[in-house]
mmCIF file of all heavy atoms, coordinates in Angstrom:
data_MODEL
# 
_entry.id   MODEL 
# 
loop_
_atom_site.group_PDB 
_atom_site.id 
_atom_site.type_symbol 
_atom_site.label_atom_id 
_atom_site.label_alt_id 
_atom_site.label_comp_id 
_atom_site.label_asym_id 
_atom_site.label_entity_id 
_atom_site.label_seq_id 
_atom_site.pdbx_PDB_ins_code 
_atom_site.Cartn_x 
_atom_site.Cartn_y 
_atom_site.Cartn_z 
_atom_site.occupancy 
_atom_site.B_iso_or_equiv 
_atom_site.pdbx_formal_charge 
_atom_site.auth_seq_id 
_atom_site.auth_comp_id 
_atom_site.auth_asym_id 
_atom_site.auth_atom_id 
_atom_site.pdbx_PDB_model_num 
ATOM 1   N N   . HIS A 1 1  ? -3.657  -16.469 3.664  1.00 0.00 ? 1  HIS A N   1 
ATOM 2   C CA  . HIS A 1 1  ? -3.123  -17.635 4.350  1.00 0.00 ? 1  HIS A CA  1 
ATOM 3   C C   . HIS A 1 1  ? -2.676  -17.306 5.778  1.00 0.00 ? 1  HIS A C   1 
ATOM 4   O O   . HIS A 1 1  ? -2.733  -18.147 6.679  1.00 0.00 ? 1  HIS A O   1 
ATOM 5   C CB  . HIS A 1 1  ? -1.941  -18.211 3.569  1.00 0.00 ? 1  HIS A CB  1 
ATOM 6   C CG  . HIS A 1 1  ? -2.369  -18.921 2.321  1.00 0.00 ? 1  HIS A CG  1 
ATOM 7   N ND1 . HIS A 1 1  ? -1.518  -19.301 1.317  1.00 0.00 ? 1  HIS A ND1 1 
ATOM 8   C CD2 . HIS A 1 1  ? -3.616  -19.277 1.878  1.00 0.00 ? 1  HIS A CD2 1 
ATOM 9   C CE1 . HIS A 1 1  ? -2.183  -19.891 0.332  1.00 0.00 ? 1  HIS A CE1 1 
ATOM 10  N NE2 . HIS A 1 1  ? -3.450  -19.876 0.653  1.00 0.00 ? 1  HIS A NE2 1 
ATOM 11  N N   . PHE A 1 2  ? -2.246  -16.080 6.019  1.00 0.00 ? 2  PHE A N   1 
ATOM 12  C CA  . PHE A 1 2  ? -1.917  -15.656 7.371  1.00 0.00 ? 2  PHE A CA  1 
ATOM 13  C C   . PHE A 1 2  ? -3.165  -15.708 8.270  1.00 0.00 ? 2  PHE A C   1 
ATOM 14  O O   . PHE A 1 2  ? -3.106  -16.195 9.417  1.00 0.00 ? 2  PHE A O   1 
ATOM 15  C CB  . PHE A 1 2  ? -1.334  -14.254 7.372  1.00 0.00 ? 2  PHE A CB  1 
ATOM 16  C CG  . PHE A 1 2  ? -1.093  -13.682 8.718  1.00 0.00 ? 2  PHE A CG  1 
ATOM 17  C CD1 . PHE A 1 2  ? 0.021   -14.081 9.474  1.00 0.00 ? 2  PHE A CD1 1 
ATOM 18  C CD2 . PHE A 1 2  ? -1.987  -12.767 9.291  1.00 0.00 ? 2  PHE A CD2 1 
ATOM 19  C CE1 . PHE A 1 2  ? 0.252   -13.562 10.748 1.00 0.00 ? 2  PHE A CE1 1 
ATOM 20  C CE2 . PHE A 1 2  ? -1.772  -12.271 10.531 1.00 0.00 ? 2  PHE A CE2 1 
ATOM 21  C CZ  . PHE A 1 2  ? -0.654  -12.659 11.291 1.00 0.00 ? 2  PHE A CZ  1 
ATOM 22  N N   . LEU A 1 3  ? -4.286  -15.235 7.722  1.00 0.00 ? 3  LEU A N   1 
ATOM 23  C CA  . LEU A 1 3  ? -5.534  -15.237 8.516  1.00 0.00 ? 3  LEU A CA  1 
ATOM 24  C C   . LEU A 1 3  ? -6.067  -16.631 8.746  1.00 0.00 ? 3  LEU A C   1 
ATOM 25  O O   . LEU A 1 3  ? -6.780  -16.880 9.741  1.00 0.00 ? 3  LEU A O   1 
ATOM 26  C CB  . LEU A 1 3  ? -6.568  -14.358 7.791  1.00 0.00 ? 3  LEU A CB  1 
ATOM 27  C CG  . LEU A 1 3  ? -6.270  -12.867 7.728  1.00 0.00 ? 3  LEU A CG  1 
ATOM 28  C CD1 . LEU A 1 3  ? -7.302  -12.151 6.855  1.00 0.00 ? 3  LEU A CD1 1 
ATOM 29  C CD2 . LEU A 1 3  ? -6.232  -12.256 9.130  1.00 0.00 ? 3  LEU A CD2 1 
ATOM 30  N N   . GLU A 1 4  ? -5.729  -17.575 7.831  1.00 0.00 ? 4  GLU A N   1 
ATOM 31  C CA  . GLU A 1 4  ? -6.175  -18.954 7.999  1.00 0.00 ? 4  GLU A CA  1 
ATOM 32  C C   . GLU A 1 4  ? -5.628  -19.572 9.277  1.00 0.00 ? 4  GLU A C   1 
ATOM 33  O O   . GLU A 1 4  ? -6.205  -20.538 9.835  1.00 0.00 ? 4  GLU A O   1 
ATOM 34  C CB  . GLU A 1 4  ? -5.743  -19.788 6.800  1.00 0.00 ? 4  GLU A CB  1 
ATOM 35  C CG  . GLU A 1 4  ? -6.595  -19.619 5.564  1.00 0.00 ? 4  GLU A CG  1 
ATOM 36  C CD  . GLU A 1 4  ? -6.155  -20.523 4.428  1.00 0.00 ? 4  GLU A CD  1 
ATOM 37  O OE1 . GLU A 1 4  ? -4.934  -20.604 4.184  1.00 0.00 ? 4  GLU A OE1 1 
ATOM 38  O OE2 . GLU A 1 4  ? -7.020  -21.141 3.788  1.00 0.00 ? 4  GLU A OE2 1 
ATOM 39  N N   . ARG A 1 5  ? -4.516  -19.043 9.777  1.00 0.00 ? 5  ARG A N   1 
ATOM 40  C CA  . ARG A 1 5  ? -3.934  -19.610 10.996 1.00 0.00 ? 5  ARG A CA  1 
ATOM 41  C C   . ARG A 1 5  ? -4.778  -19.324 12.228 1.00 0.00 ? 5  ARG A C   1 
ATOM 42  O O   . ARG A 1 5  ? -4.707  -20.044 13.207 1.00 0.00 ? 5  ARG A O   1 
ATOM 43  C CB  . ARG A 1 5  ? -2.533  -18.989 11.233 1.00 0.00 ? 5  ARG A CB  1 
ATOM 44  C CG  . ARG A 1 5  ? -1.535  -19.190 10.095 1.00 0.00 ? 5  ARG A CG  1 
ATOM 45  C CD  . ARG A 1 5  ? -0.239  -18.479 10.425 1.00 0.00 ? 5  ARG A CD  1 
ATOM 46  N NE  . ARG A 1 5  ? 0.717   -18.510 9.337  1.00 0.00 ? 5  ARG A NE  1 
ATOM 47  C CZ  . ARG A 1 5  ? 1.889   -17.862 9.334  1.00 0.00 ? 5  ARG A CZ  1 
ATOM 48  N NH1 . ARG A 1 5  ? 2.242   -17.168 10.419 1.00 0.00 ? 5  ARG A NH1 1 
ATOM 49  N NH2 . ARG A 1 5  ? 2.689   -17.916 8.307  1.00 0.00 ? 5  ARG A NH2 1 
ATOM 50  N N   . PHE A 1 6  ? -5.594  -18.271 12.137 1.00 0.00 ? 6  PHE A N   1 
ATOM 51  C CA  . PHE A 1 6  ? -6.351  -17.850 13.315 1.00 0.00 ? 6  PHE A CA  1 
ATOM 52  C C   . PHE A 1 6  ? -7.842  -18.016 13.170 1.00 0.00 ? 6  PHE A C   1 
ATOM 53  O O   . PHE A 1 6  ? -8.570  -17.993 14.191 1.00 0.00 ? 6  PHE A O   1 
ATOM 54  C CB  . PHE A 1 6  ? -6.021  -16.366 13.589 1.00 0.00 ? 6  PHE A CB  1 
ATOM 55  C CG  . PHE A 1 6  ? -4.565  -16.051 13.677 1.00 0.00 ? 6  PHE A CG  1 
ATOM 56  C CD1 . PHE A 1 6  ? -3.873  -15.507 12.589 1.00 0.00 ? 6  PHE A CD1 1 
ATOM 57  C CD2 . PHE A 1 6  ? -3.875  -16.311 14.855 1.00 0.00 ? 6  PHE A CD2 1 
ATOM 58  C CE1 . PHE A 1 6  ? -2.540  -15.214 12.688 1.00 0.00 ? 6  PHE A CE1 1 
ATOM 59  C CE2 . PHE A 1 6  ? -2.515  -16.046 14.951 1.00 0.00 ? 6  PHE A CE2 1 
ATOM 60  C CZ  . PHE A 1 6  ? -1.836  -15.499 13.870 1.00 0.00 ? 6  PHE A CZ  1 
ATOM 61  N N   . PHE A 1 7  ? -8.341  -18.154 11.937 1.00 0.00 ? 7  PHE A N   1 
ATOM 62  C CA  . PHE A 1 7  ? -9.782  -18.257 11.741 1.00 0.00 ? 7  PHE A CA  1 
ATOM 63  C C   . PHE A 1 7  ? -10.086 -19.451 10.813 1.00 0.00 ? 7  PHE A C   1 
ATOM 64  O O   . PHE A 1 7  ? -9.389  -19.658 9.830  1.00 0.00 ? 7  PHE A O   1 
ATOM 65  C CB  . PHE A 1 7  ? -10.338 -16.964 11.109 1.00 0.00 ? 7  PHE A CB  1 
ATOM 66  C CG  . PHE A 1 7  ? -10.059 -15.723 11.920 1.00 0.00 ? 7  PHE A CG  1 
ATOM 67  C CD1 . PHE A 1 7  ? -8.943  -14.943 11.637 1.00 0.00 ? 7  PHE A CD1 1 
ATOM 68  C CD2 . PHE A 1 7  ? -10.883 -15.345 12.965 1.00 0.00 ? 7  PHE A CD2 1 
ATOM 69  C CE1 . PHE A 1 7  ? -8.690  -13.778 12.369 1.00 0.00 ? 7  PHE A CE1 1 
ATOM 70  C CE2 . PHE A 1 7  ? -10.631 -14.208 13.687 1.00 0.00 ? 7  PHE A CE2 1 
ATOM 71  C CZ  . PHE A 1 7  ? -9.517  -13.441 13.412 1.00 0.00 ? 7  PHE A CZ  1 
ATOM 72  N N   . SER A 1 8  ? -11.125 -20.165 11.160 1.00 0.00 ? 8  SER A N   1 
ATOM 73  C CA  . SER A 1 8  ? -11.547 -21.314 10.311 1.00 0.00 ? 8  SER A CA  1 
ATOM 74  C C   . SER A 1 8  ? -12.741 -20.953 9.425  1.00 0.00 ? 8  SER A C   1 
ATOM 75  O O   . SER A 1 8  ? -13.040 -21.688 8.477  1.00 0.00 ? 8  SER A O   1 
ATOM 76  C CB  . SER A 1 8  ? -11.882 -22.514 11.204 1.00 0.00 ? 8  SER A CB  1 
ATOM 77  O OG  . SER A 1 8  ? -12.934 -22.178 12.119 1.00 0.00 ? 8  SER A OG  1 
ATOM 78  N N   . ASN A 1 9  ? -13.437 -19.884 9.771  1.00 0.00 ? 9  ASN A N   1 
ATOM 79  C CA  . ASN A 1 9  ? -14.605 -19.458 8.972  1.00 0.00 ? 9  ASN A CA  1 
ATOM 80  C C   . ASN A 1 9  ? -14.123 -18.514 7.879  1.00 0.00 ? 9  ASN A C   1 
ATOM 81  O O   . ASN A 1 9  ? -13.593 -17.421 8.165  1.00 0.00 ? 9  ASN A O   1 
ATOM 82  C CB  . ASN A 1 9  ? -15.617 -18.737 9.889  1.00 0.00 ? 9  ASN A CB  1 
ATOM 83  C CG  . ASN A 1 9  ? -16.917 -18.428 9.155  1.00 0.00 ? 9  ASN A CG  1 
ATOM 84  O OD1 . ASN A 1 9  ? -16.917 -17.768 8.134  1.00 0.00 ? 9  ASN A OD1 1 
ATOM 85  N ND2 . ASN A 1 9  ? -18.031 -18.934 9.710  1.00 0.00 ? 9  ASN A ND2 1 
ATOM 86  N N   . TYR A 1 10 ? -14.334 -18.923 6.623  1.00 0.00 ? 10 TYR A N   1 
ATOM 87  C CA  . TYR A 1 10 ? -13.801 -18.145 5.506  1.00 0.00 ? 10 TYR A CA  1 
ATOM 88  C C   . TYR A 1 10 ? -14.600 -16.866 5.245  1.00 0.00 ? 10 TYR A C   1 
ATOM 89  O O   . TYR A 1 10 ? -14.094 -15.945 4.648  1.00 0.00 ? 10 TYR A O   1 
ATOM 90  C CB  . TYR A 1 10 ? -13.696 -19.025 4.271  1.00 0.00 ? 10 TYR A CB  1 
ATOM 91  C CG  . TYR A 1 10 ? -12.520 -19.926 4.310  1.00 0.00 ? 10 TYR A CG  1 
ATOM 92  C CD1 . TYR A 1 10 ? -12.627 -21.219 4.903  1.00 0.00 ? 10 TYR A CD1 1 
ATOM 93  C CD2 . TYR A 1 10 ? -11.282 -19.544 3.789  1.00 0.00 ? 10 TYR A CD2 1 
ATOM 94  C CE1 . TYR A 1 10 ? -11.519 -22.053 4.941  1.00 0.00 ? 10 TYR A CE1 1 
ATOM 95  C CE2 . TYR A 1 10 ? -10.178 -20.366 3.872  1.00 0.00 ? 10 TYR A CE2 1 
ATOM 96  C CZ  . TYR A 1 10 ? -10.308 -21.623 4.443  1.00 0.00 ? 10 TYR A CZ  1 
ATOM 97  O OH  . TYR A 1 10 ? -9.221  -22.437 4.502  1.00 0.00 ? 10 TYR A OH  1 
ATOM 98  N N   . GLY A 1 11 ? -15.823 -16.801 5.697  1.00 0.00 ? 11 GLY A N   1 
ATOM 99  C CA  . GLY A 1 11 ? -16.558 -15.568 5.605  1.00 0.00 ? 11 GLY A CA  1 
ATOM 100 C C   . GLY A 1 11 ? -15.933 -14.492 6.483  1.00 0.00 ? 11 GLY A C   1 
ATOM 101 O O   . GLY A 1 11 ? -15.814 -13.324 6.095  1.00 0.00 ? 11 GLY A O   1 
ATOM 102 N N   . ILE A 1 12 ? -15.534 -14.907 7.700  1.00 0.00 ? 12 ILE A N   1 
ATOM 103 C CA  . ILE A 1 12 ? -14.824 -13.994 8.589  1.00 0.00 ? 12 ILE A CA  1 
ATOM 104 C C   . ILE A 1 12 ? -13.476 -13.560 8.024  1.00 0.00 ? 12 ILE A C   1 
ATOM 105 O O   . ILE A 1 12 ? -13.074 -12.409 8.120  1.00 0.00 ? 12 ILE A O   1 
ATOM 106 C CB  . ILE A 1 12 ? -14.635 -14.635 9.993  1.00 0.00 ? 12 ILE A CB  1 
ATOM 107 C CG1 . ILE A 1 12 ? -15.997 -15.040 10.610 1.00 0.00 ? 12 ILE A CG1 1 
ATOM 108 C CG2 . ILE A 1 12 ? -13.866 -13.704 10.921 1.00 0.00 ? 12 ILE A CG2 1 
ATOM 109 C CD1 . ILE A 1 12 ? -16.913 -13.852 10.824 1.00 0.00 ? 12 ILE A CD1 1 
ATOM 110 N N   . ILE A 1 13 ? -12.776 -14.535 7.401  1.00 0.00 ? 13 ILE A N   1 
ATOM 111 C CA  . ILE A 1 13 ? -11.486 -14.210 6.798  1.00 0.00 ? 13 ILE A CA  1 
ATOM 112 C C   . ILE A 1 13 ? -11.661 -13.175 5.683  1.00 0.00 ? 13 ILE A C   1 
ATOM 113 O O   . ILE A 1 13 ? -10.874 -12.196 5.604  1.00 0.00 ? 13 ILE A O   1 
ATOM 114 C CB  . ILE A 1 13 ? -10.829 -15.503 6.215  1.00 0.00 ? 13 ILE A CB  1 
ATOM 115 C CG1 . ILE A 1 13 ? -10.403 -16.414 7.368  1.00 0.00 ? 13 ILE A CG1 1 
ATOM 116 C CG2 . ILE A 1 13 ? -9.631  -15.158 5.330  1.00 0.00 ? 13 ILE A CG2 1 
ATOM 117 C CD1 . ILE A 1 13 ? -9.843  -17.743 6.924  1.00 0.00 ? 13 ILE A CD1 1 
ATOM 118 N N   . ILE A 1 14 ? -12.696 -13.324 4.842  1.00 0.00 ? 14 ILE A N   1 
ATOM 119 C CA  . ILE A 1 14 ? -12.943 -12.370 3.765  1.00 0.00 ? 14 ILE A CA  1 
ATOM 120 C C   . ILE A 1 14 ? -13.233 -10.994 4.368  1.00 0.00 ? 14 ILE A C   1 
ATOM 121 O O   . ILE A 1 14 ? -12.765 -9.957  3.886  1.00 0.00 ? 14 ILE A O   1 
ATOM 122 C CB  . ILE A 1 14 ? -14.103 -12.837 2.885  1.00 0.00 ? 14 ILE A CB  1 
ATOM 123 C CG1 . ILE A 1 14 ? -13.695 -14.106 2.102  1.00 0.00 ? 14 ILE A CG1 1 
ATOM 124 C CG2 . ILE A 1 14 ? -14.550 -11.740 1.897  1.00 0.00 ? 14 ILE A CG2 1 
ATOM 125 C CD1 . ILE A 1 14 ? -14.799 -14.714 1.302  1.00 0.00 ? 14 ILE A CD1 1 
ATOM 126 N N   . LEU A 1 15 ? -14.002 -10.986 5.461  1.00 0.00 ? 15 LEU A N   1 
ATOM 127 C CA  . LEU A 1 15 ? -14.327 -9.734  6.112  1.00 0.00 ? 15 LEU A CA  1 
ATOM 128 C C   . LEU A 1 15 ? -13.063 -9.014  6.609  1.00 0.00 ? 15 LEU A C   1 
ATOM 129 O O   . LEU A 1 15 ? -12.926 -7.795  6.435  1.00 0.00 ? 15 LEU A O   1 
ATOM 130 C CB  . LEU A 1 15 ? -15.271 -10.015 7.297  1.00 0.00 ? 15 LEU A CB  1 
ATOM 131 C CG  . LEU A 1 15 ? -15.831 -8.833  8.074  1.00 0.00 ? 15 LEU A CG  1 
ATOM 132 C CD1 . LEU A 1 15 ? -16.762 -8.040  7.189  1.00 0.00 ? 15 LEU A CD1 1 
ATOM 133 C CD2 . LEU A 1 15 ? -16.567 -9.312  9.331  1.00 0.00 ? 15 LEU A CD2 1 
ATOM 134 N N   . ILE A 1 16 ? -12.144 -9.763  7.162  1.00 0.00 ? 16 ILE A N   1 
ATOM 135 C CA  . ILE A 1 16 ? -10.912 -9.147  7.675  1.00 0.00 ? 16 ILE A CA  1 
ATOM 136 C C   . ILE A 1 16 ? -10.011 -8.735  6.512  1.00 0.00 ? 16 ILE A C   1 
ATOM 137 O O   . ILE A 1 16 ? -9.347  -7.692  6.588  1.00 0.00 ? 16 ILE A O   1 
ATOM 138 C CB  . ILE A 1 16 ? -10.189 -10.146 8.605  1.00 0.00 ? 16 ILE A CB  1 
ATOM 139 C CG1 . ILE A 1 16 ? -11.055 -10.454 9.842  1.00 0.00 ? 16 ILE A CG1 1 
ATOM 140 C CG2 . ILE A 1 16 ? -8.833  -9.600  9.029  1.00 0.00 ? 16 ILE A CG2 1 
ATOM 141 C CD1 . ILE A 1 16 ? -10.478 -11.509 10.735 1.00 0.00 ? 16 ILE A CD1 1 
ATOM 142 N N   . VAL A 1 17 ? -10.013 -9.515  5.424  1.00 0.00 ? 17 VAL A N   1 
ATOM 143 C CA  . VAL A 1 17 ? -9.236  -9.138  4.256  1.00 0.00 ? 17 VAL A CA  1 
ATOM 144 C C   . VAL A 1 17 ? -9.688  -7.780  3.715  1.00 0.00 ? 17 VAL A C   1 
ATOM 145 O O   . VAL A 1 17 ? -8.869  -6.932  3.315  1.00 0.00 ? 17 VAL A O   1 
ATOM 146 C CB  . VAL A 1 17 ? -9.370  -10.208 3.139  1.00 0.00 ? 17 VAL A CB  1 
ATOM 147 C CG1 . VAL A 1 17 ? -8.826  -9.681  1.806  1.00 0.00 ? 17 VAL A CG1 1 
ATOM 148 C CG2 . VAL A 1 17 ? -8.617  -11.488 3.524  1.00 0.00 ? 17 VAL A CG2 1 
ATOM 149 N N   . VAL A 1 18 ? -11.029 -7.534  3.729  1.00 0.00 ? 18 VAL A N   1 
ATOM 150 C CA  . VAL A 1 18 ? -11.561 -6.249  3.314  1.00 0.00 ? 18 VAL A CA  1 
ATOM 151 C C   . VAL A 1 18 ? -10.942 -5.145  4.148  1.00 0.00 ? 18 VAL A C   1 
ATOM 152 O O   . VAL A 1 18 ? -10.459 -4.108  3.629  1.00 0.00 ? 18 VAL A O   1 
ATOM 153 C CB  . VAL A 1 18 ? -13.095 -6.224  3.434  1.00 0.00 ? 18 VAL A CB  1 
ATOM 154 C CG1 . VAL A 1 18 ? -13.619 -4.798  3.176  1.00 0.00 ? 18 VAL A CG1 1 
ATOM 155 C CG2 . VAL A 1 18 ? -13.724 -7.182  2.461  1.00 0.00 ? 18 VAL A CG2 1 
ATOM 156 N N   . ILE A 1 19 ? -10.956 -5.330  5.453  1.00 0.00 ? 19 ILE A N   1 
ATOM 157 C CA  . ILE A 1 19 ? -10.458 -4.282  6.383  1.00 0.00 ? 19 ILE A CA  1 
ATOM 158 C C   . ILE A 1 19 ? -8.952  -4.012  6.133  1.00 0.00 ? 19 ILE A C   1 
ATOM 159 O O   . ILE A 1 19 ? -8.528  -2.880  6.066  1.00 0.00 ? 19 ILE A O   1 
ATOM 160 C CB  . ILE A 1 19 ? -10.709 -4.701  7.828  1.00 0.00 ? 19 ILE A CB  1 
ATOM 161 C CG1 . ILE A 1 19 ? -12.222 -4.769  8.100  1.00 0.00 ? 19 ILE A CG1 1 
ATOM 162 C CG2 . ILE A 1 19 ? -10.068 -3.702  8.793  1.00 0.00 ? 19 ILE A CG2 1 
ATOM 163 C CD1 . ILE A 1 19 ? -12.599 -5.340  9.448  1.00 0.00 ? 19 ILE A CD1 1 
ATOM 164 N N   . VAL A 1 20 ? -8.197  -5.126  5.979  1.00 0.00 ? 20 VAL A N   1 
ATOM 165 C CA  . VAL A 1 20 ? -6.754  -4.960  5.735  1.00 0.00 ? 20 VAL A CA  1 
ATOM 166 C C   . VAL A 1 20 ? -6.506  -4.234  4.424  1.00 0.00 ? 20 VAL A C   1 
ATOM 167 O O   . VAL A 1 20 ? -5.665  -3.320  4.382  1.00 0.00 ? 20 VAL A O   1 
ATOM 168 C CB  . VAL A 1 20 ? -6.083  -6.368  5.733  1.00 0.00 ? 20 VAL A CB  1 
ATOM 169 C CG1 . VAL A 1 20 ? -4.616  -6.231  5.287  1.00 0.00 ? 20 VAL A CG1 1 
ATOM 170 C CG2 . VAL A 1 20 ? -6.180  -7.036  7.075  1.00 0.00 ? 20 VAL A CG2 1 
ATOM 171 N N   . ILE A 1 21 ? -7.224  -4.614  3.360  1.00 0.00 ? 21 ILE A N   1 
ATOM 172 C CA  . ILE A 1 21 ? -7.015  -3.980  2.067  1.00 0.00 ? 21 ILE A CA  1 
ATOM 173 C C   . ILE A 1 21 ? -7.408  -2.504  2.143  1.00 0.00 ? 21 ILE A C   1 
ATOM 174 O O   . ILE A 1 21 ? -6.704  -1.628  1.609  1.00 0.00 ? 21 ILE A O   1 
ATOM 175 C CB  . ILE A 1 21 ? -7.822  -4.694  0.970  1.00 0.00 ? 21 ILE A CB  1 
ATOM 176 C CG1 . ILE A 1 21 ? -7.352  -6.125  0.775  1.00 0.00 ? 21 ILE A CG1 1 
ATOM 177 C CG2 . ILE A 1 21 ? -7.761  -3.928  -0.351 1.00 0.00 ? 21 ILE A CG2 1 
ATOM 178 C CD1 . ILE A 1 21 ? -5.925  -6.237  0.302  1.00 0.00 ? 21 ILE A CD1 1 
ATOM 179 N N   . ARG A 1 22 ? -8.505  -2.185  2.825  1.00 0.00 ? 22 ARG A N   1 
ATOM 180 C CA  . ARG A 1 22 ? -8.915  -0.797  2.942  1.00 0.00 ? 22 ARG A CA  1 
ATOM 181 C C   . ARG A 1 22 ? -7.872  0.044   3.713  1.00 0.00 ? 22 ARG A C   1 
ATOM 182 O O   . ARG A 1 22 ? -7.670  1.195   3.423  1.00 0.00 ? 22 ARG A O   1 
ATOM 183 C CB  . ARG A 1 22 ? -10.293 -0.685  3.623  1.00 0.00 ? 22 ARG A CB  1 
ATOM 184 C CG  . ARG A 1 22 ? -11.474 -1.275  2.871  1.00 0.00 ? 22 ARG A CG  1 
ATOM 185 C CD  . ARG A 1 22 ? -11.494 -0.939  1.407  1.00 0.00 ? 22 ARG A CD  1 
ATOM 186 N NE  . ARG A 1 22 ? -11.480 0.481   1.139  1.00 0.00 ? 22 ARG A NE  1 
ATOM 187 C CZ  . ARG A 1 22 ? -11.411 1.017   -0.056 1.00 0.00 ? 22 ARG A CZ  1 
ATOM 188 N NH1 . ARG A 1 22 ? -11.362 0.202   -1.100 1.00 0.00 ? 22 ARG A NH1 1 
ATOM 189 N NH2 . ARG A 1 22 ? -11.396 2.327   -0.243 1.00 0.00 ? 22 ARG A NH2 1 
ATOM 190 N N   . LEU A 1 23 ? -7.288  -0.582  4.718  1.00 0.00 ? 23 LEU A N   1 
ATOM 191 C CA  . LEU A 1 23 ? -6.224  0.126   5.467  1.00 0.00 ? 23 LEU A CA  1 
ATOM 192 C C   . LEU A 1 23 ? -5.005  0.373   4.586  1.00 0.00 ? 23 LEU A C   1 
ATOM 193 O O   . LEU A 1 23 ? -4.389  1.430   4.657  1.00 0.00 ? 23 LEU A O   1 
ATOM 194 C CB  . LEU A 1 23 ? -5.833  -0.687  6.717  1.00 0.00 ? 23 LEU A CB  1 
ATOM 195 C CG  . LEU A 1 23 ? -6.876  -0.728  7.829  1.00 0.00 ? 23 LEU A CG  1 
ATOM 196 C CD1 . LEU A 1 23 ? -6.391  -1.674  8.952  1.00 0.00 ? 23 LEU A CD1 1 
ATOM 197 C CD2 . LEU A 1 23 ? -7.135  0.678   8.409  1.00 0.00 ? 23 LEU A CD2 1 
ATOM 198 N N   . ILE A 1 24 ? -4.669  -0.623  3.761  1.00 0.00 ? 24 ILE A N   1 
ATOM 199 C CA  . ILE A 1 24 ? -3.506  -0.461  2.861  1.00 0.00 ? 24 ILE A CA  1 
ATOM 200 C C   . ILE A 1 24 ? -3.759  0.668   1.857  1.00 0.00 ? 24 ILE A C   1 
ATOM 201 O O   . ILE A 1 24 ? -2.868  1.457   1.545  1.00 0.00 ? 24 ILE A O   1 
ATOM 202 C CB  . ILE A 1 24 ? -3.211  -1.790  2.135  1.00 0.00 ? 24 ILE A CB  1 
ATOM 203 C CG1 . ILE A 1 24 ? -2.705  -2.851  3.141  1.00 0.00 ? 24 ILE A CG1 1 
ATOM 204 C CG2 . ILE A 1 24 ? -2.192  -1.579  1.006  1.00 0.00 ? 24 ILE A CG2 1 
ATOM 205 C CD1 . ILE A 1 24 ? -2.530  -4.214  2.530  1.00 0.00 ? 24 ILE A CD1 1 
ATOM 206 N N   . LEU A 1 25 ? -5.015  0.725   1.405  1.00 0.00 ? 25 LEU A N   1 
ATOM 207 C CA  . LEU A 1 25 ? -5.391  1.716   0.411  1.00 0.00 ? 25 LEU A CA  1 
ATOM 208 C C   . LEU A 1 25 ? -5.779  3.071   1.005  1.00 0.00 ? 25 LEU A C   1 
ATOM 209 O O   . LEU A 1 25 ? -6.085  4.026   0.276  1.00 0.00 ? 25 LEU A O   1 
ATOM 210 C CB  . LEU A 1 25 ? -6.539  1.199   -0.465 1.00 0.00 ? 25 LEU A CB  1 
ATOM 211 C CG  . LEU A 1 25 ? -6.238  -0.025  -1.330 1.00 0.00 ? 25 LEU A CG  1 
ATOM 212 C CD1 . LEU A 1 25 ? -7.512  -0.510  -2.018 1.00 0.00 ? 25 LEU A CD1 1 
ATOM 213 C CD2 . LEU A 1 25 ? -5.161  0.217   -2.330 1.00 0.00 ? 25 LEU A CD2 1 
# 
């Protein structure tokens, strides 16, 4: 939901979620 504030394309949001999760892990 944080990424939804800046991006409207959900494919791009999923891509960024991957990067964030990989950084956390």
